[in-house]
Amino acid sequence: MTDRPRTAPQLHLFVNLAQKAKASQVSTVSSLWVANNAIDGGKNFSTLSTTCAATTWEYLPWLKVDLQAVYQVSTATVTYREDSFPDKIKSVTVNFGSSLDFDGYSNPKCTVTTTDKTSSTVTYSCGNHNLALKRNASQSSNYGFWTAERAVDGSRTGPKLWSVCSSTANQSNPWWRVDLGDVYRVSRVVITNINNSFADRINGAQIHIGNSLENNGSSNPICAVISGIPAGVSATFLCCFMEGRYVNLFIPGDSKMLTLCEVEVYVEGPCWKQSLVKLKLDSSFSLSEVRLLTQLESALAQRGLSDVTLHWTQLPKQEVMRKEAAPGIRLGLVTGPLLLWS
């Protein structure tokens, strides 16, 4: 009997990037309470002046940490003075990104994940966090037990459909909405459809993102229109960092029911758009797959589209034809589907 191959243990290493960074703040209450005190690794409150940073009274006070490079940050942990917690930090937000616009405030916001409200240390999630989870949700009407909050309870499937899905009654122009609690730049929305014969109820639903409650949020800009989602499937819709507090789903028309098993909202990750292009080229030159892609990338760059990745979904086929008017000259007909990411 041979031993089964053993799986190598996985090591998850978490590093405090802030300790090797540079800190600054809008103002300093005294020469002792400088910004770098907040990233020195010290949490000894018996010597507050040497371990804490503090600004003077400001309309919009801020402290900024420059990590000196671009990183994928999962969490940010902030320790506040115990004598100022929690009243003085209720409006504190942690923003993470590469922009210095508005002193960094225009960057995406991290979300509070700490549940212990008595602690002076608060953890913010800056990574793959579903902003809609357990948030306040509402809808135009309720179909029995299928209330709006069922779509943000964290359960995509379950033995009892009414325990994990939301649904409006049969009505005109049904809608569903979640309040994210703050304004975020949404990169994608994930919709999980019901896993039964009513999966086509989602067809034609519009995803709106914005800050207005006019028309129950349906007047906000549209991220996507759902043509259809197979039963029980979770589909992702890219919103390319549309800014807003409310995510709203709306189906225009009479005698409609809007049924959702889960709605997830994320701010992280790149925003890619893909396009499938089918090419058919006539050429008297030898066109290799690599050369053709290089020429296409060059042509797109001349038109200002430099951040584009091209690759074949299927290698092109070449048909050789003899030109009757000029014997000896051959035309290469190159055809094939091409995938563009931008």
C-alpha atoms as a PDB file:
ATOM      1  CA  MET A   1       0.000   0.000   0.000  1.00  0.00           C
ATOM      2  CA  THR A   2       1.370   3.370  -0.988  1.00  0.00           C
ATOM      3  CA  ASP A   3       1.003   6.460   1.080  1.00  0.00           C
ATOM      4  CA  ARG A   4      -1.358   9.072  -0.200  1.00  0.00           C
ATOM      5  CA  PRO A   5       0.316  12.285  -1.282  1.00  0.00           C
ATOM      6  CA  ARG A   6       0.156  14.830   1.458  1.00  0.00           C
ATOM      7  CA  THR A   7      -1.085  18.323   0.862  1.00  0.00           C
ATOM      8  CA  ALA A   8       1.431  20.948   1.804  1.00  0.00           C
ATOM      9  CA  PRO A   9       0.273  23.121   4.711  1.00  0.00           C
ATOM     10  CA  GLN A  10      -0.901  26.574   3.755  1.00  0.00           C
ATOM     11  CA  LEU A  11       0.593  29.575   5.495  1.00  0.00           C
ATOM     12  CA  HIS A  12      -1.432  32.777   5.598  1.00  0.00           C
ATOM     13  CA  LEU A  13       0.885  35.662   6.392  1.00  0.00           C
ATOM     14  CA  PHE A  14      -0.526  39.003   7.426  1.00  0.00           C
ATOM     15  CA  VAL A  15       1.846  41.962   7.399  1.00  0.00           C
ATOM     16  CA  ASN A  16       1.259  45.407   8.844  1.00  0.00           C
ATOM     17  CA  LEU A  17       2.202  47.520   5.830  1.00  0.00           C
ATOM     18  CA  ALA A  18       1.651  50.768   7.718  1.00  0.00           C
ATOM     19  CA  GLN A  19       4.715  50.357   9.962  1.00  0.00           C
ATOM     20  CA  LYS A  20       7.034  50.919   6.979  1.00  0.00           C
ATOM     21  CA  ALA A  21       4.919  53.696   5.512  1.00  0.00           C
ATOM     22  CA  LYS A  22       4.756  57.470   5.784  1.00  0.00           C
ATOM     23  CA  ALA A  23       1.895  59.222   7.567  1.00  0.00           C
ATOM     24  CA  SER A  24       0.546  62.752   7.377  1.00  0.00           C
ATOM     25  CA  GLN A  25      -2.475  64.590   8.717  1.00  0.00           C
ATOM     26  CA  VAL A  26      -4.344  67.778   8.002  1.00  0.00           C
ATOM     27  CA  SER A  27      -3.024  69.450  11.181  1.00  0.00           C
ATOM     28  CA  THR A  28      -1.297  68.579  14.457  1.00  0.00           C
ATOM     29  CA  VAL A  29      -2.656  69.454  17.855  1.00  0.00           C
ATOM     30  CA  SER A  30       0.905  69.737  19.237  1.00  0.00           C
ATOM     31  CA  SER A  31       4.449  68.759  18.297  1.00  0.00           C
ATOM     32  CA  LEU A  32       4.036  65.508  20.231  1.00  0.00           C
ATOM     33  CA  TRP A  33       0.849  64.208  18.559  1.00  0.00           C
ATOM     34  CA  VAL A  34       2.312  63.751  15.085  1.00  0.00           C
ATOM     35  CA  ALA A  35       0.877  61.508  12.362  1.00  0.00           C
ATOM     36  CA  ASN A  36       3.670  58.927  12.528  1.00  0.00           C
ATOM     37  CA  ASN A  37       2.621  58.059  16.084  1.00  0.00           C
ATOM     38  CA  ALA A  38      -0.368  56.259  14.570  1.00  0.00           C
ATOM     39  CA  ILE A  39       1.834  53.779  12.696  1.00  0.00           C
ATOM     40  CA  ASP A  40       4.639  53.172  15.224  1.00  0.00           C
ATOM     41  CA  GLY A  41       3.145  49.896  16.477  1.00  0.00           C
ATOM     42  CA  GLY A  42       2.577  51.237  19.998  1.00  0.00           C
ATOM     43  CA  LYS A  43      -0.763  50.928  21.786  1.00  0.00           C
ATOM     44  CA  ASN A  44       0.338  51.931  25.285  1.00  0.00           C
ATOM     45  CA  PHE A  45      -2.251  54.449  26.434  1.00  0.00           C
ATOM     46  CA  SER A  46      -0.278  55.354  29.543  1.00  0.00           C
ATOM     47  CA  THR A  47       1.902  57.548  27.331  1.00  0.00           C
ATOM     48  CA  LEU A  48      -0.704  58.961  24.980  1.00  0.00           C
ATOM     49  CA  SER A  49       1.438  61.767  23.636  1.00  0.00           C
ATOM     50  CA  THR A  50       4.034  59.348  22.262  1.00  0.00           C
ATOM     51  CA  THR A  51       1.712  56.690  20.856  1.00  0.00           C
ATOM     52  CA  CYS A  52      -1.224  58.613  19.407  1.00  0.00           C
ATOM     53  CA  ALA A  53      -1.779  61.114  16.611  1.00  0.00           C
ATOM     54  CA  ALA A  54      -4.264  63.959  16.821  1.00  0.00           C
ATOM     55  CA  THR A  55      -5.373  66.844  14.642  1.00  0.00           C
ATOM     56  CA  THR A  56      -6.677  70.180  15.781  1.00  0.00           C
ATOM     57  CA  TRP A  57     -10.380  70.935  15.514  1.00  0.00           C
ATOM     58  CA  GLU A  58     -11.151  70.690  11.803  1.00  0.00           C
ATOM     59  CA  TYR A  59     -14.272  70.634   9.652  1.00  0.00           C
ATOM     60  CA  LEU A  60     -13.041  67.522   7.812  1.00  0.00           C
ATOM     61  CA  PRO A  61     -10.016  66.146   9.705  1.00  0.00           C
ATOM     62  CA  TRP A  62      -7.955  63.434   8.026  1.00  0.00           C
ATOM     63  CA  LEU A  63      -4.912  61.247   8.516  1.00  0.00           C
ATOM     64  CA  LYS A  64      -3.254  59.663   5.499  1.00  0.00           C
ATOM     65  CA  VAL A  65      -0.835  56.730   5.234  1.00  0.00           C
ATOM     66  CA  ASP A  66       1.322  56.340   2.123  1.00  0.00           C
ATOM     67  CA  LEU A  67       2.267  52.653   1.738  1.00  0.00           C
ATOM     68  CA  GLN A  68       4.996  53.631  -0.782  1.00  0.00           C
ATOM     69  CA  ALA A  69       3.714  51.066  -3.301  1.00  0.00           C
ATOM     70  CA  VAL A  70       0.477  49.545  -4.576  1.00  0.00           C
ATOM     71  CA  TYR A  71      -0.789  46.604  -2.510  1.00  0.00           C
ATOM     72  CA  GLN A  72      -3.904  44.452  -2.329  1.00  0.00           C
ATOM     73  CA  VAL A  73      -5.149  45.331   1.150  1.00  0.00           C
ATOM     74  CA  SER A  74      -7.542  42.973   2.937  1.00  0.00           C
ATOM     75  CA  THR A  75      -8.165  44.767   6.239  1.00  0.00           C
ATOM     76  CA  ALA A  76      -7.312  47.954   8.094  1.00  0.00           C
ATOM     77  CA  THR A  77      -7.294  47.951  11.903  1.00  0.00           C
ATOM     78  CA  VAL A  78      -7.562  51.253  13.754  1.00  0.00           C
ATOM     79  CA  THR A  79      -7.125  51.735  17.520  1.00  0.00           C
ATOM     80  CA  TYR A  80      -8.787  54.841  18.944  1.00  0.00           C
ATOM     81  CA  ARG A  81      -8.279  56.507  22.289  1.00  0.00           C
ATOM     82  CA  GLU A  82     -10.528  54.816  24.794  1.00  0.00           C
ATOM     83  CA  ASP A  83     -11.708  58.157  26.172  1.00  0.00           C
ATOM     84  CA  SER A  84     -12.930  59.188  22.704  1.00  0.00           C
ATOM     85  CA  PHE A  85     -14.653  55.936  21.766  1.00  0.00           C
ATOM     86  CA  PRO A  86     -17.298  55.514  20.469  1.00  0.00           C
ATOM     87  CA  ASP A  87     -18.942  58.971  20.283  1.00  0.00           C
ATOM     88  CA  LYS A  88     -16.175  60.838  18.472  1.00  0.00           C
ATOM     89  CA  ILE A  89     -15.595  58.246  15.733  1.00  0.00           C
ATOM     90  CA  LYS A  90     -19.143  57.602  14.577  1.00  0.00           C
ATOM     91  CA  SER A  91     -18.501  59.491  11.346  1.00  0.00           C
ATOM     92  CA  VAL A  92     -14.979  58.150  10.727  1.00  0.00           C
ATOM     93  CA  THR A  93     -14.438  56.400   7.392  1.00  0.00           C
ATOM     94  CA  VAL A  94     -11.439  54.495   6.089  1.00  0.00           C
ATOM     95  CA  ASN A  95     -10.764  54.937   2.378  1.00  0.00           C
ATOM     96  CA  PHE A  96      -8.261  52.907   0.406  1.00  0.00           C
ATOM     97  CA  GLY A  97      -7.005  53.544  -3.124  1.00  0.00           C
ATOM     98  CA  SER A  98      -4.426  55.253  -5.334  1.00  0.00           C
ATOM     99  CA  SER A  99      -6.057  58.672  -5.692  1.00  0.00           C
ATOM    100  CA  LEU A 100      -5.166  61.814  -3.741  1.00  0.00           C
ATOM    101  CA  ASP A 101      -8.307  63.655  -4.846  1.00  0.00           C
ATOM    102  CA  PHE A 102     -10.021  65.329  -1.889  1.00  0.00           C
ATOM    103  CA  ASP A 103      -7.165  64.114   0.337  1.00  0.00           C
ATOM    104  CA  GLY A 104      -7.941  60.495  -0.552  1.00  0.00           C
ATOM    105  CA  TYR A 105     -11.623  60.699   0.347  1.00  0.00           C
ATOM    106  CA  SER A 106     -12.633  59.909  -3.253  1.00  0.00           C
ATOM    107  CA  ASN A 107     -11.152  56.401  -2.939  1.00  0.00           C
ATOM    108  CA  PRO A 108     -13.439  53.420  -2.204  1.00  0.00           C
ATOM    109  CA  LYS A 109     -14.535  53.091   1.406  1.00  0.00           C
ATOM    110  CA  CYS A 110     -13.677  50.125   3.580  1.00  0.00           C
ATOM    111  CA  THR A 111     -16.502  48.667   5.642  1.00  0.00           C
ATOM    112  CA  VAL A 112     -16.649  48.064   9.405  1.00  0.00           C
ATOM    113  CA  THR A 113     -16.468  44.372  10.283  1.00  0.00           C
ATOM    114  CA  THR A 114     -15.852  44.590  14.057  1.00  0.00           C
ATOM    115  CA  THR A 115     -18.898  43.440  16.029  1.00  0.00           C
ATOM    116  CA  ASP A 116     -17.671  44.303  19.543  1.00  0.00           C
ATOM    117  CA  LYS A 117     -18.857  47.890  20.005  1.00  0.00           C
ATOM    118  CA  THR A 118     -17.168  48.168  23.421  1.00  0.00           C
ATOM    119  CA  SER A 119     -13.656  47.779  22.003  1.00  0.00           C
ATOM    120  CA  SER A 120     -11.505  50.753  21.039  1.00  0.00           C
ATOM    121  CA  THR A 121      -9.962  48.742  18.169  1.00  0.00           C
ATOM    122  CA  VAL A 122     -12.042  48.631  15.005  1.00  0.00           C
ATOM    123  CA  THR A 123     -11.373  46.458  11.958  1.00  0.00           C
ATOM    124  CA  TYR A 124     -12.385  47.608   8.476  1.00  0.00           C
ATOM    125  CA  SER A 125     -12.652  45.243   5.513  1.00  0.00           C
ATOM    126  CA  CYS A 126     -11.018  46.646   2.380  1.00  0.00           C
ATOM    127  CA  GLY A 127     -11.111  43.482   0.303  1.00  0.00           C
ATOM    128  CA  ASN A 128     -13.670  41.054  -1.041  1.00  0.00           C
ATOM    129  CA  HIS A 129     -16.608  42.129   1.118  1.00  0.00           C
ATOM    130  CA  ASN A 130     -20.266  42.051   0.156  1.00  0.00           C
ATOM    131  CA  LEU A 131     -21.564  45.532   0.970  1.00  0.00           C
ATOM    132  CA  ALA A 132     -25.217  44.488   0.710  1.00  0.00           C
ATOM    133  CA  LEU A 133     -24.984  41.757   3.332  1.00  0.00           C
ATOM    134  CA  LYS A 134     -27.504  42.320   6.173  1.00  0.00           C
ATOM    135  CA  ARG A 135     -28.223  45.868   4.976  1.00  0.00           C
ATOM    136  CA  ASN A 136     -31.652  47.492   5.039  1.00  0.00           C
ATOM    137  CA  ALA A 137     -33.675  46.294   2.052  1.00  0.00           C
ATOM    138  CA  SER A 138     -37.180  47.137   0.854  1.00  0.00           C
ATOM    139  CA  GLN A 139     -39.430  46.279  -2.046  1.00  0.00           C
ATOM    140  CA  SER A 140     -42.647  47.465  -3.658  1.00  0.00           C
ATOM    141  CA  SER A 141     -44.739  44.635  -2.152  1.00  0.00           C
ATOM    142  CA  ASN A 142     -44.349  41.304  -0.397  1.00  0.00           C
ATOM    143  CA  TYR A 143     -45.428  37.914  -1.670  1.00  0.00           C
ATOM    144  CA  GLY A 144     -46.187  36.070   1.557  1.00  0.00           C
ATOM    145  CA  PHE A 145     -43.020  35.393   3.580  1.00  0.00           C
ATOM    146  CA  TRP A 146     -40.757  36.456   0.682  1.00  0.00           C
ATOM    147  CA  THR A 147     -39.692  39.770   2.210  1.00  0.00           C
ATOM    148  CA  ALA A 148     -36.973  42.064   0.849  1.00  0.00           C
ATOM    149  CA  GLU A 149     -34.294  41.265   3.441  1.00  0.00           C
ATOM    150  CA  ARG A 150     -34.274  37.618   2.301  1.00  0.00           C
ATOM    151  CA  ALA A 151     -32.178  38.743  -0.678  1.00  0.00           C
ATOM    152  CA  VAL A 152     -29.361  40.102   1.536  1.00  0.00           C
ATOM    153  CA  ASP A 153     -29.210  37.374   4.211  1.00  0.00           C
ATOM    154  CA  GLY A 154     -26.074  35.746   2.778  1.00  0.00           C
ATOM    155  CA  SER A 155     -27.845  32.563   1.614  1.00  0.00           C
ATOM    156  CA  ARG A 156     -27.997  31.862  -2.098  1.00  0.00           C
ATOM    157  CA  THR A 157     -29.819  28.536  -1.797  1.00  0.00           C
ATOM    158  CA  GLY A 158     -31.688  26.618   0.869  1.00  0.00           C
ATOM    159  CA  PRO A 159     -34.176  23.797   1.515  1.00  0.00           C
ATOM    160  CA  LYS A 160     -37.037  26.267   1.858  1.00  0.00           C
ATOM    161  CA  LEU A 161     -37.242  28.853  -0.859  1.00  0.00           C
ATOM    162  CA  TRP A 162     -39.160  31.374   1.210  1.00  0.00           C
ATOM    163  CA  SER A 163     -36.366  31.415   3.784  1.00  0.00           C
ATOM    164  CA  VAL A 164     -33.704  32.639   1.350  1.00  0.00           C
ATOM    165  CA  CYS A 165     -35.523  34.451  -1.463  1.00  0.00           C
ATOM    166  CA  SER A 166     -37.461  37.699  -1.781  1.00  0.00           C
ATOM    167  CA  SER A 167     -40.394  38.298  -4.088  1.00  0.00           C
ATOM    168  CA  THR A 168     -42.902  41.008  -4.801  1.00  0.00           C
ATOM    169  CA  ALA A 169     -46.533  40.301  -5.503  1.00  0.00           C
ATOM    170  CA  ASN A 170     -47.855  40.343  -9.058  1.00  0.00           C
ATOM    171  CA  GLN A 171     -48.041  44.048  -9.868  1.00  0.00           C
ATOM    172  CA  SER A 172     -47.036  46.805 -12.268  1.00  0.00           C
ATOM    173  CA  ASN A 173     -43.412  47.990 -12.194  1.00  0.00           C
ATOM    174  CA  PRO A 174     -42.143  45.977  -9.201  1.00  0.00           C
ATOM    175  CA  TRP A 175     -38.892  47.098  -7.538  1.00  0.00           C
ATOM    176  CA  TRP A 176     -36.405  45.987  -4.880  1.00  0.00           C
ATOM    177  CA  ARG A 177     -33.780  48.191  -3.195  1.00  0.00           C
ATOM    178  CA  VAL A 178     -30.885  47.897  -0.750  1.00  0.00           C
ATOM    179  CA  ASP A 179     -29.427  50.815   1.208  1.00  0.00           C
ATOM    180  CA  LEU A 180     -25.639  50.410   1.475  1.00  0.00           C
ATOM    181  CA  GLY A 181     -25.566  52.971   4.287  1.00  0.00           C
ATOM    182  CA  ASP A 182     -23.008  55.159   2.541  1.00  0.00           C
ATOM    183  CA  VAL A 183     -21.865  56.170  -0.934  1.00  0.00           C
ATOM    184  CA  TYR A 184     -19.609  53.621  -2.629  1.00  0.00           C
ATOM    185  CA  ARG A 185     -18.075  53.123  -6.065  1.00  0.00           C
ATOM    186  CA  VAL A 186     -19.648  49.821  -7.069  1.00  0.00           C
ATOM    187  CA  SER A 187     -17.603  47.587  -9.369  1.00  0.00           C
ATOM    188  CA  ARG A 188     -20.007  44.647  -9.679  1.00  0.00           C
ATOM    189  CA  VAL A 189     -23.381  43.302  -8.619  1.00  0.00           C
ATOM    190  CA  VAL A 190     -24.037  39.567  -8.295  1.00  0.00           C
ATOM    191  CA  ILE A 191     -27.626  38.342  -8.667  1.00  0.00           C
ATOM    192  CA  THR A 192     -28.679  34.801  -7.736  1.00  0.00           C
ATOM    193  CA  ASN A 193     -31.841  33.605  -9.476  1.00  0.00           C
ATOM    194  CA  ILE A 194     -34.465  31.276  -8.073  1.00  0.00           C
ATOM    195  CA  ASN A 195     -33.928  27.586  -8.755  1.00  0.00           C
ATOM    196  CA  ASN A 196     -37.304  26.558 -10.110  1.00  0.00           C
ATOM    197  CA  SER A 197     -39.638  27.038 -13.067  1.00  0.00           C
ATOM    198  CA  PHE A 198     -40.131  30.742 -12.238  1.00  0.00           C
ATOM    199  CA  ALA A 199     -36.568  31.670 -13.225  1.00  0.00           C
ATOM    200  CA  ASP A 200     -37.816  33.826 -16.097  1.00  0.00           C
ATOM    201  CA  ARG A 201     -39.303  36.358 -13.669  1.00  0.00           C
ATOM    202  CA  ILE A 202     -35.924  38.104 -13.567  1.00  0.00           C
ATOM    203  CA  ASN A 203     -35.939  38.732 -17.330  1.00  0.00           C
ATOM    204  CA  GLY A 204     -35.854  42.423 -18.201  1.00  0.00           C
ATOM    205  CA  ALA A 205     -34.885  43.594 -14.711  1.00  0.00           C
ATOM    206  CA  GLN A 206     -32.834  46.788 -14.607  1.00  0.00           C
ATOM    207  CA  ILE A 207     -30.026  47.358 -12.086  1.00  0.00           C
ATOM    208  CA  HIS A 208     -29.841  51.013 -10.986  1.00  0.00           C
ATOM    209  CA  ILE A 209     -27.147  52.590  -8.792  1.00  0.00           C
ATOM    210  CA  GLY A 210     -27.199  56.119  -7.371  1.00  0.00           C
ATOM    211  CA  ASN A 211     -28.101  58.407  -4.486  1.00  0.00           C
ATOM    212  CA  SER A 212     -31.652  59.377  -5.420  1.00  0.00           C
ATOM    213  CA  LEU A 213     -34.856  57.841  -4.065  1.00  0.00           C
ATOM    214  CA  GLU A 214     -36.920  59.390  -6.838  1.00  0.00           C
ATOM    215  CA  ASN A 215     -39.245  56.752  -8.302  1.00  0.00           C
ATOM    216  CA  ASN A 216     -38.038  54.435  -5.522  1.00  0.00           C
ATOM    217  CA  GLY A 217     -34.496  54.577  -6.892  1.00  0.00           C
ATOM    218  CA  SER A 218     -35.454  53.710 -10.462  1.00  0.00           C
ATOM    219  CA  SER A 219     -34.421  57.158 -11.711  1.00  0.00           C
ATOM    220  CA  ASN A 220     -30.763  56.457 -10.883  1.00  0.00           C
ATOM    221  CA  PRO A 221     -28.340  55.491 -13.697  1.00  0.00           C
ATOM    222  CA  ILE A 222     -28.588  51.949 -15.059  1.00  0.00           C
ATOM    223  CA  CYS A 223     -25.694  49.550 -14.536  1.00  0.00           C
ATOM    224  CA  ALA A 224     -27.181  46.694 -16.571  1.00  0.00           C
ATOM    225  CA  VAL A 225     -30.360  45.168 -17.936  1.00  0.00           C
ATOM    226  CA  ILE A 226     -30.788  41.470 -17.153  1.00  0.00           C
ATOM    227  CA  SER A 227     -31.844  39.566 -20.260  1.00  0.00           C
ATOM    228  CA  GLY A 228     -32.027  36.328 -18.302  1.00  0.00           C
ATOM    229  CA  ILE A 229     -30.307  34.196 -15.642  1.00  0.00           C
ATOM    230  CA  PRO A 230     -30.621  30.383 -15.622  1.00  0.00           C
ATOM    231  CA  ALA A 231     -32.418  28.826 -12.671  1.00  0.00           C
ATOM    232  CA  GLY A 232     -30.251  28.688  -9.555  1.00  0.00           C
ATOM    233  CA  VAL A 233     -27.341  30.508 -11.197  1.00  0.00           C
ATOM    234  CA  SER A 234     -25.437  33.508  -9.774  1.00  0.00           C
ATOM    235  CA  ALA A 235     -24.682  36.042 -12.518  1.00  0.00           C
ATOM    236  CA  THR A 236     -22.208  38.938 -12.254  1.00  0.00           C
ATOM    237  CA  PHE A 237     -22.921  42.358 -13.749  1.00  0.00           C
ATOM    238  CA  LEU A 238     -20.058  44.854 -14.068  1.00  0.00           C
ATOM    239  CA  CYS A 239     -20.905  48.412 -13.058  1.00  0.00           C
ATOM    240  CA  CYS A 240     -17.431  49.957 -13.564  1.00  0.00           C
ATOM    241  CA  PHE A 241     -17.367  51.814 -10.237  1.00  0.00           C
ATOM    242  CA  MET A 242     -20.705  53.582 -10.517  1.00  0.00           C
ATOM    243  CA  GLU A 243     -21.127  55.757  -7.433  1.00  0.00           C
ATOM    244  CA  GLY A 244     -24.166  55.512  -5.189  1.00  0.00           C
ATOM    245  CA  ARG A 245     -25.739  54.575  -1.908  1.00  0.00           C
ATOM    246  CA  TYR A 246     -28.720  52.659  -3.298  1.00  0.00           C
ATOM    247  CA  VAL A 247     -28.762  49.571  -5.506  1.00  0.00           C
ATOM    248  CA  ASN A 248     -32.176  49.114  -7.038  1.00  0.00           C
ATOM    249  CA  LEU A 249     -33.713  46.426  -9.253  1.00  0.00           C
ATOM    250  CA  PHE A 250     -36.756  47.353 -11.294  1.00  0.00           C
ATOM    251  CA  ILE A 251     -38.897  45.545 -13.882  1.00  0.00           C
ATOM    252  CA  PRO A 252     -41.022  47.860 -16.059  1.00  0.00           C
ATOM    253  CA  GLY A 253     -44.400  46.624 -17.205  1.00  0.00           C
ATOM    254  CA  ASP A 254     -47.720  45.229 -16.010  1.00  0.00           C
ATOM    255  CA  SER A 255     -48.326  41.911 -14.239  1.00  0.00           C
ATOM    256  CA  LYS A 256     -44.721  41.384 -13.153  1.00  0.00           C
ATOM    257  CA  MET A 257     -43.153  39.668 -10.150  1.00  0.00           C
ATOM    258  CA  LEU A 258     -39.573  40.415  -9.076  1.00  0.00           C
ATOM    259  CA  THR A 259     -37.993  37.421  -7.348  1.00  0.00           C
ATOM    260  CA  LEU A 260     -34.416  37.481  -5.981  1.00  0.00           C
ATOM    261  CA  CYS A 261     -32.581  34.828  -3.994  1.00  0.00           C
ATOM    262  CA  GLU A 262     -29.505  36.942  -3.259  1.00  0.00           C
ATOM    263  CA  VAL A 263     -28.086  40.330  -4.227  1.00  0.00           C
ATOM    264  CA  GLU A 264     -24.388  40.978  -3.572  1.00  0.00           C
ATOM    265  CA  VAL A 265     -22.599  44.295  -4.096  1.00  0.00           C
ATOM    266  CA  TYR A 266     -18.816  44.647  -4.331  1.00  0.00           C
ATOM    267  CA  VAL A 267     -16.421  47.565  -4.762  1.00  0.00           C
ATOM    268  CA  GLU A 268     -13.126  45.705  -5.261  1.00  0.00           C
ATOM    269  CA  GLY A 269     -11.531  44.259  -8.350  1.00  0.00           C
ATOM    270  CA  PRO A 270     -10.796  45.517 -11.851  1.00  0.00           C
ATOM    271  CA  CYS A 271     -13.620  46.407 -14.158  1.00  0.00           C
ATOM    272  CA  TRP A 272     -13.203  44.520 -17.402  1.00  0.00           C
ATOM    273  CA  LYS A 273     -15.475  44.673 -20.393  1.00  0.00           C
ATOM    274  CA  GLN A 274     -15.214  41.966 -23.002  1.00  0.00           C
ATOM    275  CA  SER A 275     -16.246  42.054 -26.626  1.00  0.00           C
ATOM    276  CA  LEU A 276     -16.290  39.193 -29.086  1.00  0.00           C
ATOM    277  CA  VAL A 277     -15.351  40.226 -32.598  1.00  0.00           C
ATOM    278  CA  LYS A 278     -15.374  38.001 -35.662  1.00  0.00           C
ATOM    279  CA  LEU A 279     -12.858  39.007 -38.296  1.00  0.00           C
ATOM    280  CA  LYS A 280     -12.671  38.194 -41.985  1.00  0.00           C
ATOM    281  CA  LEU A 281      -9.638  39.646 -43.754  1.00  0.00           C
ATOM    282  CA  ASP A 282      -8.467  39.503 -47.363  1.00  0.00           C
ATOM    283  CA  SER A 283      -4.716  39.856 -47.703  1.00  0.00           C
ATOM    284  CA  SER A 284      -1.933  39.029 -50.123  1.00  0.00           C
ATOM    285  CA  PHE A 285       0.545  38.980 -47.230  1.00  0.00           C
ATOM    286  CA  SER A 286       1.399  36.218 -44.787  1.00  0.00           C
ATOM    287  CA  LEU A 287      -0.625  36.950 -41.657  1.00  0.00           C
ATOM    288  CA  SER A 288       0.373  34.941 -38.621  1.00  0.00           C
ATOM    289  CA  GLU A 289      -1.857  34.922 -35.520  1.00  0.00           C
ATOM    290  CA  VAL A 290       0.745  36.851 -33.496  1.00  0.00           C
ATOM    291  CA  ARG A 291       1.408  39.420 -36.198  1.00  0.00           C
ATOM    292  CA  LEU A 292      -2.278  40.079 -36.705  1.00  0.00           C
ATOM    293  CA  LEU A 293      -2.870  40.701 -32.995  1.00  0.00           C
ATOM    294  CA  THR A 294       0.144  43.027 -32.887  1.00  0.00           C
ATOM    295  CA  GLN A 295      -1.227  45.045 -35.791  1.00  0.00           C
ATOM    296  CA  LEU A 296      -4.654  45.251 -34.162  1.00  0.00           C
ATOM    297  CA  GLU A 297      -3.209  46.413 -30.832  1.00  0.00           C
ATOM    298  CA  SER A 298      -1.202  49.085 -32.662  1.00  0.00           C
ATOM    299  CA  ALA A 299      -4.291  50.282 -34.546  1.00  0.00           C
ATOM    300  CA  LEU A 300      -6.339  50.458 -31.343  1.00  0.00           C
ATOM    301  CA  ALA A 301      -3.547  52.343 -29.534  1.00  0.00           C
ATOM    302  CA  GLN A 302      -3.549  54.983 -32.268  1.00  0.00           C
ATOM    303  CA  ARG A 303      -7.218  55.537 -31.467  1.00  0.00           C
ATOM    304  CA  GLY A 304      -6.542  55.959 -27.754  1.00  0.00           C
ATOM    305  CA  LEU A 305      -7.424  52.392 -26.702  1.00  0.00           C
ATOM    306  CA  SER A 306      -4.135  51.311 -25.161  1.00  0.00           C
ATOM    307  CA  ASP A 307      -5.443  49.348 -22.158  1.00  0.00           C
ATOM    308  CA  VAL A 308      -6.775  46.462 -24.250  1.00  0.00           C
ATOM    309  CA  THR A 309      -5.810  42.782 -24.178  1.00  0.00           C
ATOM    310  CA  LEU A 310      -6.444  40.660 -27.270  1.00  0.00           C
ATOM    311  CA  HIS A 311      -6.450  36.900 -27.576  1.00  0.00           C
ATOM    312  CA  TRP A 312      -8.024  34.316 -29.832  1.00  0.00           C
ATOM    313  CA  THR A 313     -10.874  32.206 -28.522  1.00  0.00           C
ATOM    314  CA  GLN A 314     -10.266  29.962 -31.523  1.00  0.00           C
ATOM    315  CA  LEU A 315      -7.233  29.944 -33.806  1.00  0.00           C
ATOM    316  CA  PRO A 316      -8.007  31.511 -37.187  1.00  0.00           C
ATOM    317  CA  LYS A 317      -8.341  29.397 -40.290  1.00  0.00           C
ATOM    318  CA  GLN A 318      -6.639  30.250 -43.573  1.00  0.00           C
ATOM    319  CA  GLU A 319      -8.148  29.543 -46.934  1.00  0.00           C
ATOM    320  CA  VAL A 320      -5.857  29.752 -49.940  1.00  0.00           C
ATOM    321  CA  MET A 321      -7.454  30.998 -53.170  1.00  0.00           C
ATOM    322  CA  ARG A 322      -5.846  31.576 -56.559  1.00  0.00           C
ATOM    323  CA  LYS A 323      -6.458  34.928 -58.166  1.00  0.00           C
ATOM    324  CA  GLU A 324      -7.478  34.400 -61.753  1.00  0.00           C
ATOM    325  CA  ALA A 325      -6.359  37.795 -63.065  1.00  0.00           C
ATOM    326  CA  ALA A 326      -2.823  37.417 -61.787  1.00  0.00           C
ATOM    327  CA  PRO A 327      -1.608  33.812 -61.696  1.00  0.00           C
ATOM    328  CA  GLY A 328       0.874  33.042 -58.975  1.00  0.00           C
ATOM    329  CA  ILE A 329      -0.508  35.554 -56.460  1.00  0.00           C
ATOM    330  CA  ARG A 330      -2.421  33.991 -53.623  1.00  0.00           C
ATOM    331  CA  LEU A 331      -4.849  35.550 -51.228  1.00  0.00           C
ATOM    332  CA  GLY A 332      -4.972  34.388 -47.650  1.00  0.00           C
ATOM    333  CA  LEU A 333      -8.448  34.569 -46.125  1.00  0.00           C
ATOM    334  CA  VAL A 334      -8.085  34.663 -42.330  1.00  0.00           C
ATOM    335  CA  THR A 335     -11.182  34.220 -40.201  1.00  0.00           C
ATOM    336  CA  GLY A 336     -11.668  33.591 -36.515  1.00  0.00           C
ATOM    337  CA  PRO A 337     -13.360  34.906 -33.329  1.00  0.00           C
ATOM    338  CA  LEU A 338     -11.328  37.369 -31.323  1.00  0.00           C
ATOM    339  CA  LEU A 339     -11.853  38.300 -27.669  1.00  0.00           C
ATOM    340  CA  LEU A 340     -11.108  41.867 -26.572  1.00  0.00           C
ATOM    341  CA  TRP A 341     -10.710  42.852 -22.927  1.00  0.00           C
ATOM    342  CA  SER A 342     -10.664  46.524 -22.022  1.00  0.00           C
END
